[in-house]
C-alpha atoms as a PDB file:
ATOM      1  CA  MET A   1       7.375  52.654  29.849  1.00  0.00           C
ATOM      2  CA  ILE A   2       4.481  49.859  29.105  1.00  0.00           C
ATOM      3  CA  GLU A   3       1.955  49.290  31.860  1.00  0.00           C
ATOM      4  CA  LEU A   4       0.658  45.802  31.399  1.00  0.00           C
ATOM      5  CA  ALA A   5      -2.829  44.365  33.006  1.00  0.00           C
ATOM      6  CA  VAL A   6      -3.910  40.671  33.416  1.00  0.00           C
ATOM      7  CA  GLN A   7      -7.773  40.607  32.960  1.00  0.00           C
ATOM      8  CA  ARG A   8      -8.809  37.612  34.143  1.00  0.00           C
ATOM      9  CA  GLY A   9     -12.272  35.842  33.921  1.00  0.00           C
ATOM     10  CA  TRP A  10     -12.373  36.532  30.165  1.00  0.00           C
ATOM     11  CA  VAL A  11     -11.657  34.257  27.205  1.00  0.00           C
ATOM     12  CA  SER A  12     -10.831  33.962  23.539  1.00  0.00           C
ATOM     13  CA  ALA A  13     -13.619  32.657  21.295  1.00  0.00           C
ATOM     14  CA  THR A  14     -11.999  29.657  20.332  1.00  0.00           C
ATOM     15  CA  VAL A  15     -11.684  28.915  24.590  1.00  0.00           C
ATOM     16  CA  ALA A  16     -15.191  30.081  24.542  1.00  0.00           C
ATOM     17  CA  ALA A  17     -15.916  27.213  21.525  1.00  0.00           C
ATOM     18  CA  GLY A  18     -14.539  24.533  24.139  1.00  0.00           C
ATOM     19  CA  LEU A  19     -15.851  25.186  27.130  1.00  0.00           C
ATOM     20  CA  LEU A  20     -19.522  25.391  25.489  1.00  0.00           C
ATOM     21  CA  GLY A  21     -19.352  22.149  23.135  1.00  0.00           C
ATOM     22  CA  VAL A  22     -19.496  24.082  20.120  1.00  0.00           C
ATOM     23  CA  SER A  23     -17.410  24.999  17.142  1.00  0.00           C
ATOM     24  CA  ARG A  24     -15.421  27.928  17.002  1.00  0.00           C
ATOM     25  CA  GLN A  25     -17.385  29.356  13.859  1.00  0.00           C
ATOM     26  CA  ARG A  26     -20.728  28.778  15.848  1.00  0.00           C
ATOM     27  CA  VAL A  27     -19.048  30.909  18.928  1.00  0.00           C
ATOM     28  CA  HIS A  28     -18.563  33.949  15.996  1.00  0.00           C
ATOM     29  CA  GLN A  29     -21.938  33.503  14.695  1.00  0.00           C
ATOM     30  CA  LEU A  30     -23.118  34.051  18.622  1.00  0.00           C
ATOM     31  CA  LEU A  31     -20.672  37.023  19.168  1.00  0.00           C
ATOM     32  CA  LYS A  32     -21.686  38.849  15.955  1.00  0.00           C
ATOM     33  CA  ALA A  33     -25.668  38.317  16.684  1.00  0.00           C
ATOM     34  CA  GLY A  34     -25.153  40.013  20.345  1.00  0.00           C
ATOM     35  CA  ARG A  35     -26.008  36.613  21.953  1.00  0.00           C
ATOM     36  CA  ILE A  36     -23.238  36.401  24.637  1.00  0.00           C
ATOM     37  CA  PRO A  37     -23.377  39.583  26.390  1.00  0.00           C
ATOM     38  CA  GLY A  38     -20.606  41.388  27.806  1.00  0.00           C
ATOM     39  CA  ALA A  39     -18.320  39.909  24.994  1.00  0.00           C
ATOM     40  CA  PHE A  40     -16.353  42.550  23.145  1.00  0.00           C
ATOM     41  CA  LEU A  41     -13.598  42.945  20.368  1.00  0.00           C
ATOM     42  CA  MET A  42      -9.942  43.727  21.275  1.00  0.00           C
ATOM     43  CA  ASP A  43      -7.607  45.868  18.763  1.00  0.00           C
ATOM     44  CA  CYS A  44      -4.562  44.011  18.364  1.00  0.00           C
ATOM     45  CA  GLY A  45      -2.968  46.370  16.264  1.00  0.00           C
ATOM     46  CA  ASP A  46      -1.331  44.652  13.208  1.00  0.00           C
ATOM     47  CA  LYS A  47      -2.502  41.327  14.018  1.00  0.00           C
ATOM     48  CA  GLY A  48      -6.382  41.934  14.064  1.00  0.00           C
ATOM     49  CA  GLU A  49      -9.039  41.973  16.386  1.00  0.00           C
ATOM     50  CA  VAL A  50      -9.923  39.134  19.329  1.00  0.00           C
ATOM     51  CA  TRP A  51     -13.269  38.638  20.694  1.00  0.00           C
ATOM     52  CA  CYS A  52     -12.846  38.674  24.433  1.00  0.00           C
ATOM     53  CA  VAL A  53     -15.829  36.579  26.083  1.00  0.00           C
ATOM     54  CA  PRO A  54     -16.828  36.854  29.602  1.00  0.00           C
ATOM     55  CA  ARG A  55     -15.920  33.048  31.216  1.00  0.00           C
ATOM     56  CA  LYS A  56     -19.020  34.111  33.634  1.00  0.00           C
ATOM     57  CA  GLU A  57     -21.803  34.456  30.756  1.00  0.00           C
ATOM     58  CA  LEU A  58     -20.440  31.096  29.263  1.00  0.00           C
ATOM     59  CA  THR A  59     -21.266  29.184  32.935  1.00  0.00           C
ATOM     60  CA  SER A  60     -24.684  30.838  33.091  1.00  0.00           C
ATOM     61  CA  GLN A  61     -25.430  29.571  29.504  1.00  0.00           C
ATOM     62  CA  LEU A  62     -24.522  26.181  30.389  1.00  0.00           C
ATOM     63  CA  THR A  63     -26.424  26.099  33.538  1.00  0.00           C
ATOM     64  CA  LYS A  64     -29.508  27.317  31.349  1.00  0.00           C
ATOM     65  CA  ARG A  65     -29.075  24.179  28.787  1.00  0.00           C
ATOM     66  CA  LYS A  66     -28.453  21.757  31.519  1.00  0.00           C
ATOM     67  CA  SER A  67     -31.674  22.974  33.356  1.00  0.00           C
ATOM     68  CA  LYS A  68     -33.727  22.089  30.007  1.00  0.00           C
END
């Protein structure tokens, strides 16, 4: 039997790009540079790896941008 769990509060790099209003490539640059704390790569087997980005960190970054 396989057990599955849904982890809420995490989005893909593509969704993160949309929320931040930047390109997916820019989000990948930020992720590879370690500029989005809490993000990690998830192994998806034959399909490769997918970035998991914490939504709360994106909200924090957007709040910082608005206050500048």
